[in-house]
């Protein structure tokens, strides 16, 4: 009898999967112009707030697949939660546009993509229920990185990274013994002047590190505050990494060749410095992992040694 019950549940789950896949394909077909525009927008190298969207769906899908046993252990239809989420997703962009709020091309796309994702997540809730949603919350919410970062978040973040990078790189240049005069974001060295522009904020690598730290925290850490700590530590590390890059390029341009500022090393040389950031965050992650190792209760240890 238990075998028959499991067989029936398996058939029911397979039907839910089939219906959900069909619904997802229908949503993709209906919203294909939005998805195509997102791909074009993310493909443009100048749009620093969306280059991560190509990888995110595959990561979320892999996380759901790896945790499928726990996610789909208790599935049931969730009509109220699912339909409410879908209605909210459809109504939100309509309400914001009706309010007359000015939206840039990127912000309008962010709103539209968020609407599509909300409808899809609502479909997940509808077919699988709140328990499955709770078990799959991280990979589902991780899909938010598919949304181009709106300017209301992007602009303050870039300003923070720009200012932090300027402060730290100025300190590094001063410690090197190089004469430097600073006025705001402009540095004057003996043989050149540089400007720490918003493009020098390191926003791409910061988003990449944020994604990696979230994934590392989810996969390797158990307590929420330690996951949050890892993410918060990643921000100053990225600022320090970017400052090292600015200072290194500035000193090379000042003492070796000023053409370095216009070279590929300046435009495409971020990977070695990103590795530096990974090296810096690794011991912090290792320490957090070690602190999560719980000691066995004395009773358990006693039972193991008692014949």
Protein backbone atom coordinates (compact mmCIF):
# COMPACT_ATOMS: atom_id res chain seq x y z
CA UNK A 1 0.00 0.00 0.00
CA UNK A 2 2.75 2.57 0.80
CA UNK A 3 4.29 1.71 -2.54
CA UNK A 4 0.99 2.42 -4.26
CA UNK A 5 0.66 5.75 -2.46
CA UNK A 6 4.18 6.77 -3.51
CA UNK A 7 3.40 5.74 -7.09
CA UNK A 8 0.24 7.87 -7.09
CA UNK A 9 2.12 10.85 -5.64
CA UNK A 10 4.81 10.45 -8.31
CA UNK A 11 2.21 10.50 -11.08
CA UNK A 12 0.56 13.57 -9.54
CA UNK A 13 3.93 15.35 -9.27
CA UNK A 14 4.75 14.51 -12.88
CA UNK A 15 1.45 16.01 -13.98
CA UNK A 16 2.17 19.15 -12.00
CA UNK A 17 5.60 19.38 -13.62
CA UNK A 18 4.04 18.99 -17.07
CA UNK A 19 1.44 21.68 -16.39
CA UNK A 20 4.02 24.04 -14.94
CA UNK A 21 6.36 23.56 -17.90
CA UNK A 22 3.51 24.19 -20.33
CA UNK A 23 2.54 27.31 -18.41
CA UNK A 24 6.16 28.51 -18.42
CA UNK A 25 6.46 27.97 -22.18
CA UNK A 26 3.21 29.87 -22.70
CA UNK A 27 4.51 32.76 -20.59
CA UNK A 28 7.77 32.82 -22.57
CA UNK A 29 5.82 32.87 -25.84
CA UNK A 30 3.57 35.71 -24.66
CA UNK A 31 6.43 37.76 -23.22
CA UNK A 32 9.08 36.92 -25.81
CA UNK A 33 9.46 40.58 -26.92
CA UNK A 34 10.36 41.47 -23.33
CA UNK A 35 12.84 38.58 -23.05
CA UNK A 36 14.40 39.49 -26.40
CA UNK A 37 14.78 43.11 -25.31
CA UNK A 38 16.39 41.95 -22.05
CA UNK A 39 18.90 39.86 -23.99
CA UNK A 40 19.76 42.81 -26.24
CA UNK A 41 20.07 45.14 -23.26
CA UNK A 42 22.32 42.76 -21.32
CA UNK A 43 24.46 42.09 -24.40
CA UNK A 44 25.36 45.78 -24.63
CA UNK A 45 28.66 46.09 -22.77
CA UNK A 46 27.87 49.66 -21.75
CA UNK A 47 24.93 48.53 -19.61
CA UNK A 48 26.74 47.54 -16.43
CA UNK A 49 23.52 46.69 -14.55
CA UNK A 50 22.46 43.62 -16.54
CA UNK A 51 25.48 41.64 -17.75
CA UNK A 52 24.80 38.94 -15.15
CA UNK A 53 21.37 37.94 -16.48
CA UNK A 54 22.69 35.28 -18.90
CA UNK A 55 23.97 33.04 -16.12
CA UNK A 56 21.33 33.49 -13.40
CA UNK A 57 18.52 31.28 -14.82
CA UNK A 58 20.90 28.34 -15.19
CA UNK A 59 22.18 28.73 -11.62
CA UNK A 60 18.65 28.92 -10.21
CA UNK A 61 17.60 25.92 -12.29
CA UNK A 62 20.59 23.89 -11.08
CA UNK A 63 19.86 24.75 -7.44
CA UNK A 64 16.22 23.69 -7.81
CA UNK A 65 17.26 20.44 -9.49
CA UNK A 66 19.86 19.58 -6.84
CA UNK A 67 17.35 20.22 -4.05
CA UNK A 68 14.36 18.72 -5.84
CA UNK A 69 13.74 16.05 -3.21
CA UNK A 70 13.27 18.58 -0.40
CA UNK A 71 11.52 21.16 -2.58
CA UNK A 72 8.91 18.80 -4.01
CA UNK A 73 8.45 16.67 -0.90
CA UNK A 74 5.15 18.36 -0.04
CA UNK A 75 3.42 19.79 -3.12
CA UNK A 76 -0.15 20.94 -3.37
CA UNK A 77 -2.01 23.59 -5.30
CA UNK A 78 -1.75 27.08 -3.86
CA UNK A 79 -4.44 29.01 -5.74
CA UNK A 80 -4.73 32.01 -3.43
CA UNK A 81 -1.01 32.68 -3.02
CA UNK A 82 -0.25 31.90 -6.67
CA UNK A 83 -3.01 33.98 -8.23
CA UNK A 84 -2.38 36.89 -5.84
CA UNK A 85 1.31 36.96 -6.78
CA UNK A 86 0.50 36.84 -10.50
CA UNK A 87 -2.07 39.63 -10.21
CA UNK A 88 0.40 41.75 -8.24
CA UNK A 89 3.05 41.14 -10.88
CA UNK A 90 0.69 42.24 -13.66
CA UNK A 91 -0.70 45.24 -11.76
CA UNK A 92 2.57 46.73 -10.48
CA UNK A 93 3.96 48.05 -13.80
CA UNK A 94 0.53 49.31 -14.81
CA UNK A 95 0.19 51.25 -11.54
CA UNK A 96 3.69 52.75 -11.74
CA UNK A 97 3.26 53.84 -15.36
CA UNK A 98 -0.16 55.27 -14.57
CA UNK A 99 1.38 57.36 -11.79
CA UNK A 100 3.37 59.27 -14.41
CA UNK A 101 6.73 58.57 -12.77
CA UNK A 102 9.58 59.21 -15.27
CA UNK A 103 11.31 55.98 -16.26
CA UNK A 104 14.49 55.52 -18.23
CA UNK A 105 14.81 52.72 -20.79
CA UNK A 106 16.62 50.56 -18.26
CA UNK A 107 14.11 51.29 -15.48
CA UNK A 108 11.16 50.51 -17.73
CA UNK A 109 12.79 47.21 -18.72
CA UNK A 110 13.49 46.43 -15.05
CA UNK A 111 9.82 46.94 -14.25
CA UNK A 112 8.66 44.76 -17.13
CA UNK A 113 11.09 41.92 -16.36
CA UNK A 114 10.11 42.05 -12.67
CA UNK A 115 6.49 41.69 -13.73
CA UNK A 116 7.26 38.60 -15.85
CA UNK A 117 9.24 36.99 -13.03
CA UNK A 118 6.46 37.70 -10.52
CA UNK A 119 3.96 35.97 -12.80
CA UNK A 120 6.28 32.97 -13.19
CA UNK A 121 6.88 32.72 -9.43
CA UNK A 122 3.13 33.02 -8.94
CA UNK A 123 2.75 30.04 -11.28
CA UNK A 124 5.23 28.09 -9.13
CA UNK A 125 3.14 28.89 -6.06
CA UNK A 126 -0.03 27.92 -7.88
CA UNK A 127 1.16 24.48 -8.97
CA UNK A 128 3.40 23.52 -6.04
CA UNK A 129 2.12 25.45 -3.02
CA UNK A 130 3.68 27.48 -0.18
CA UNK A 131 5.70 24.58 1.27
CA UNK A 132 7.55 24.00 -1.99
CA UNK A 133 8.01 27.75 -2.42
CA UNK A 134 9.51 28.02 1.08
CA UNK A 135 11.95 25.19 0.31
CA UNK A 136 12.90 26.78 -3.02
CA UNK A 137 12.91 30.37 -1.79
CA UNK A 138 16.62 31.09 -2.39
CA UNK A 139 16.84 29.87 -6.01
CA UNK A 140 13.50 31.54 -6.81
CA UNK A 141 14.50 34.89 -5.28
CA UNK A 142 17.95 34.52 -6.84
CA UNK A 143 16.19 35.06 -10.17
CA UNK A 144 15.85 38.72 -9.15
CA UNK A 145 19.38 39.17 -10.55
CA UNK A 146 17.77 38.70 -13.98
CA UNK A 147 16.17 42.12 -13.45
CA UNK A 148 18.36 45.02 -14.64
CA UNK A 149 19.23 46.97 -11.52
CA UNK A 150 17.00 50.09 -11.47
CA UNK A 151 18.63 53.50 -11.25
CA UNK A 152 17.19 54.12 -7.78
CA UNK A 153 19.51 51.32 -6.56
CA UNK A 154 22.26 51.56 -9.16
CA UNK A 155 23.11 55.25 -8.81
CA UNK A 156 23.72 55.26 -5.03
CA UNK A 157 25.67 51.99 -5.29
CA UNK A 158 27.94 53.37 -8.02
CA UNK A 159 28.44 56.57 -6.01
CA UNK A 160 29.39 54.55 -2.92
CA UNK A 161 31.90 52.43 -4.84
CA UNK A 162 33.31 55.45 -6.66
CA UNK A 163 33.88 57.42 -3.47
CA UNK A 164 35.25 54.44 -1.56
CA UNK A 165 37.61 53.54 -4.40
CA UNK A 166 38.83 57.14 -4.66
CA UNK A 167 39.53 57.38 -0.92
CA UNK A 168 41.34 54.04 -0.76
CA UNK A 169 43.36 54.49 -3.97
CA UNK A 170 44.48 57.95 -2.82
CA UNK A 171 45.73 56.40 0.41
CA UNK A 172 47.60 53.66 -1.48
CA UNK A 173 49.26 56.17 -3.80
CA UNK A 174 50.28 58.31 -0.82
CA UNK A 175 51.76 55.26 0.94
CA UNK A 176 53.80 54.49 -2.19
CA UNK A 177 55.66 57.79 -1.69
CA UNK A 178 54.40 59.27 -4.96
CA UNK A 179 53.54 63.00 -4.79
CA UNK A 180 49.81 63.35 -5.42
CA UNK A 181 47.36 66.23 -5.22
CA UNK A 182 43.71 65.36 -4.91
CA UNK A 183 40.68 67.47 -5.70
CA UNK A 184 37.49 65.47 -5.37
CA UNK A 185 37.76 62.49 -7.72
CA UNK A 186 40.70 63.98 -9.66
CA UNK A 187 44.28 63.02 -8.80
CA UNK A 188 47.32 64.87 -10.10
CA UNK A 189 50.58 62.92 -10.15
CA UNK A 190 53.93 64.27 -11.39
CA UNK A 191 53.40 63.09 -14.99
CA UNK A 192 49.64 62.73 -15.39
CA UNK A 193 46.21 63.53 -14.04
CA UNK A 194 43.56 60.89 -13.53
CA UNK A 195 39.86 61.02 -12.80
CA UNK A 196 38.08 58.31 -10.82
CA UNK A 197 34.91 58.37 -12.90
CA UNK A 198 31.71 56.39 -12.21
CA UNK A 199 32.95 53.93 -14.83
CA UNK A 200 35.92 53.26 -12.54
CA UNK A 201 33.68 52.27 -9.62
CA UNK A 202 34.07 48.54 -10.34
CA UNK A 203 30.33 47.97 -10.37
CA UNK A 204 30.53 44.89 -12.61
CA UNK A 205 32.97 43.06 -10.37
CA UNK A 206 31.01 44.17 -7.32
CA UNK A 207 27.83 42.58 -8.69
CA UNK A 208 29.79 39.44 -9.54
CA UNK A 209 31.22 39.25 -6.02
CA UNK A 210 27.79 39.85 -4.52
CA UNK A 211 26.39 36.93 -6.53
CA UNK A 212 29.31 34.66 -5.59
CA UNK A 213 29.10 35.54 -1.89
CA UNK A 214 25.35 34.86 -1.85
CA UNK A 215 25.88 31.50 -3.52
CA UNK A 216 28.77 30.60 -1.22
CA UNK A 217 26.73 31.56 1.82
CA UNK A 218 23.74 29.52 0.67
CA UNK A 219 25.78 26.43 -0.18
CA UNK A 220 28.39 26.47 2.59
CA UNK A 221 26.83 28.29 5.55
CA UNK A 222 23.76 27.44 7.61
CA UNK A 223 23.01 30.47 9.77
CA UNK A 224 21.45 33.54 8.18
CA UNK A 225 23.56 36.10 10.04
CA UNK A 226 26.78 34.49 8.82
CA UNK A 227 25.50 34.53 5.26
CA UNK A 228 24.71 38.21 5.68
CA UNK A 229 28.13 38.84 7.22
CA UNK A 230 29.82 37.26 4.21
CA UNK A 231 27.90 39.55 1.84
CA UNK A 232 28.66 42.65 3.92
CA UNK A 233 32.37 41.81 4.10
CA UNK A 234 32.49 41.42 0.32
CA UNK A 235 31.66 45.11 -0.23
CA UNK A 236 34.77 46.66 1.42
CA UNK A 237 36.89 43.92 -0.13
CA UNK A 238 35.64 44.92 -3.58
CA UNK A 239 36.32 48.59 -2.83
CA UNK A 240 39.85 47.70 -1.71
CA UNK A 241 40.37 45.54 -4.82
CA UNK A 242 39.22 48.35 -7.08
CA UNK A 243 41.46 50.83 -5.27
CA UNK A 244 44.46 48.55 -5.83
CA UNK A 245 43.62 48.45 -9.52
CA UNK A 246 43.30 52.25 -9.78
CA UNK A 247 46.50 52.82 -7.83
CA UNK A 248 48.44 50.20 -9.81
CA UNK A 249 47.39 51.63 -13.18
CA UNK A 250 48.10 55.17 -11.99
CA UNK A 251 51.60 54.32 -10.77
CA UNK A 252 52.41 52.34 -13.93
CA UNK A 253 51.20 55.22 -16.09
CA UNK A 254 53.18 57.73 -14.04
CA UNK A 255 56.47 55.84 -13.90
CA UNK A 256 56.41 53.51 -16.92
CA UNK A 257 54.18 54.71 -19.77
CA UNK A 258 51.23 57.11 -19.72
CA UNK A 259 49.70 55.14 -22.61
CA UNK A 260 48.74 52.45 -20.10
CA UNK A 261 45.70 54.54 -19.19
CA UNK A 262 44.36 53.98 -22.73
CA UNK A 263 45.53 50.38 -23.03
CA UNK A 264 43.65 47.08 -22.84
CA UNK A 265 45.15 46.60 -19.37
CA UNK A 266 42.94 49.47 -18.24
CA UNK A 267 39.81 48.42 -20.11
CA UNK A 268 39.98 44.63 -19.74
CA UNK A 269 42.47 43.92 -16.96
CA UNK A 270 40.01 43.42 -14.14
CA UNK A 271 40.29 39.63 -13.86
CA UNK A 272 43.67 39.50 -12.02
CA UNK A 273 42.41 42.04 -9.49
CA UNK A 274 39.15 40.10 -9.08
CA UNK A 275 41.26 37.07 -8.19
CA UNK A 276 42.88 39.22 -5.50
CA UNK A 277 39.41 39.86 -4.06
CA UNK A 278 38.66 36.13 -4.08
CA UNK A 279 41.92 35.44 -2.25
CA UNK A 280 41.01 38.04 0.38
CA UNK A 281 37.50 36.73 1.00
CA UNK A 282 38.51 33.06 1.10
CA UNK A 283 39.94 33.05 4.67
CA UNK A 284 36.85 34.89 5.93
CA UNK A 285 34.59 32.28 4.36
CA UNK A 286 36.78 29.51 5.79
CA UNK A 287 36.55 31.03 9.26
CA UNK A 288 32.76 31.30 9.04
CA UNK A 289 32.53 27.67 7.93
CA UNK A 290 34.72 26.51 10.83
CA UNK A 291 32.61 28.37 13.39
CA UNK A 292 29.54 26.45 12.20
CA UNK A 293 30.99 23.08 13.16
CA UNK A 294 29.00 22.14 16.19
CA UNK A 295 30.59 20.15 18.98
CA UNK A 296 29.01 16.84 19.76
CA UNK A 297 27.06 16.69 23.02
CA UNK A 298 29.00 14.97 25.83
CA UNK A 299 26.25 12.35 26.05
CA UNK A 300 26.72 11.41 22.40
CA UNK A 301 30.49 11.13 22.81
CA UNK A 302 30.00 9.00 25.92
CA UNK A 303 27.63 6.64 24.11
CA UNK A 304 30.21 6.16 21.33
CA UNK A 305 32.96 5.07 23.74
CA UNK A 306 30.73 3.02 26.03
CA UNK A 307 30.53 -0.68 24.93
